Amino acid sequence: VFNDALIFEMSPAGLHSVSGIWYTAGNIHSQRYALSISDALIAFMNNYADKNTNTIITDIQLGYNLIDTVNSSSEIKPVWRITVENNAIYYIDA
């Protein structure tokens, strides 16, 4: 999960505590294949890249983003995380 974290508190004696959010399986949506990496790159170029300059992608990873809503429980959404040369990060739905 890209936009979430676990916090480990350490002391000289070792691990003191761990805090964060524990996710359990809730409503499982239908299973499907993720968007291919080539289709994700095409979507990035069409929607985010500046057509007048070269865009250098430094990293691309498949993962999840946490979606928090006020009216329902949290969900995780499959995404491609694309990092470009200036460290800007873009998310493409997978």
Protein backbone atom coordinates (compact mmCIF):
# COMPACT_ATOMS: atom_id res chain seq x y z
CA VAL A 1 0.00 0.00 0.00
CA PHE A 2 1.72 3.15 -1.22
CA ASN A 3 -0.05 5.79 0.85
CA ASP A 4 -0.04 4.11 4.26
CA ALA A 5 2.60 3.29 6.83
CA LEU A 6 3.51 1.16 9.81
CA ILE A 7 5.47 2.84 12.60
CA PHE A 8 8.08 0.78 14.45
CA GLU A 9 9.38 2.23 17.72
CA MET A 10 12.79 0.89 18.65
CA SER A 11 14.80 1.22 21.83
CA PRO A 12 18.29 -0.05 22.69
CA ALA A 13 16.58 -3.15 24.10
CA GLY A 14 14.82 -3.88 20.79
CA LEU A 15 11.37 -3.41 19.30
CA HIS A 16 9.17 -1.34 21.63
CA SER A 17 5.91 -1.10 19.64
CA VAL A 18 4.32 -1.23 16.21
CA SER A 19 1.39 0.95 15.21
CA GLY A 20 -0.63 1.36 12.03
CA ILE A 21 -3.79 -0.02 10.47
CA TRP A 22 -4.65 -3.71 10.19
CA TYR A 23 -6.59 -4.52 7.03
CA THR A 24 -9.00 -7.41 6.89
CA ALA A 25 -10.76 -8.84 3.87
CA GLY A 26 -14.12 -7.14 3.51
CA ASN A 27 -16.17 -7.03 0.38
CA ILE A 28 -14.02 -8.70 -2.24
CA HIS A 29 -14.81 -7.33 -5.68
CA SER A 30 -14.62 -9.53 -8.72
CA GLN A 31 -11.14 -10.67 -9.66
CA ARG A 32 -9.64 -9.20 -12.82
CA TYR A 33 -6.26 -8.81 -14.45
CA ALA A 34 -4.30 -5.64 -13.77
CA LEU A 35 -3.71 -3.12 -16.54
CA SER A 36 -0.52 -4.06 -18.36
CA ILE A 37 2.59 -1.97 -17.80
CA SER A 38 2.58 -0.87 -21.45
CA ASP A 39 -1.06 0.26 -21.20
CA ALA A 40 -0.26 2.10 -17.95
CA LEU A 41 2.63 3.92 -19.67
CA ILE A 42 0.38 4.88 -22.58
CA ALA A 43 -2.25 6.20 -20.14
CA PHE A 44 0.44 8.19 -18.33
CA MET A 45 1.77 9.70 -21.56
CA ASN A 46 -1.76 10.59 -22.75
CA ASN A 47 -2.94 12.10 -19.46
CA TYR A 48 0.07 13.52 -17.60
CA ALA A 49 3.22 13.83 -19.69
CA ASP A 50 4.12 17.19 -21.23
CA LYS A 51 3.99 16.67 -24.99
CA ASN A 52 6.55 19.46 -25.58
CA THR A 53 9.37 18.01 -23.46
CA ASN A 54 10.98 14.66 -22.83
CA THR A 55 9.60 12.87 -19.77
CA ILE A 56 12.06 10.59 -18.00
CA ILE A 57 10.45 7.88 -15.89
CA THR A 58 12.75 6.76 -13.09
CA ASP A 59 10.53 4.13 -11.45
CA ILE A 60 7.27 2.27 -12.01
CA GLN A 61 5.69 -0.12 -9.50
CA LEU A 62 2.43 -2.02 -9.24
CA GLY A 63 0.75 -1.68 -5.83
CA TYR A 64 -2.26 -0.29 -3.99
CA ASN A 65 -3.55 3.08 -2.77
CA LEU A 66 -5.71 3.35 0.32
CA ILE A 67 -9.06 5.02 -0.37
CA ASP A 68 -10.65 6.49 2.78
CA THR A 69 -14.23 7.69 2.63
CA VAL A 70 -16.44 9.24 5.28
CA ASN A 71 -19.52 7.16 4.42
CA SER A 72 -18.01 3.71 3.97
CA SER A 73 -15.14 1.53 5.07
CA SER A 74 -11.66 1.98 3.61
CA GLU A 75 -10.74 0.23 0.39
CA ILE A 76 -7.49 -0.44 -1.38
CA LYS A 77 -7.30 0.24 -5.10
CA PRO A 78 -4.77 -1.36 -7.49
CA VAL A 79 -2.57 1.27 -9.17
CA TRP A 80 0.65 1.74 -11.08
CA ARG A 81 2.87 4.29 -9.32
CA ILE A 82 5.03 6.17 -11.80
CA THR A 83 7.91 8.38 -10.60
CA VAL A 84 9.52 10.82 -13.01
CA GLU A 85 12.92 12.54 -13.02
CA ASN A 86 11.84 15.52 -10.83
CA ASN A 87 10.47 13.03 -8.22
CA ALA A 88 6.83 13.82 -9.08
CA ILE A 89 4.62 10.78 -8.53
CA TYR A 90 1.60 9.81 -10.63
CA TYR A 91 -0.92 7.03 -10.06
CA ILE A 92 -2.60 5.17 -12.92
CA ASP A 93 -5.52 2.86 -12.10
CA ALA A 94 -4.41 -0.72 -12.65
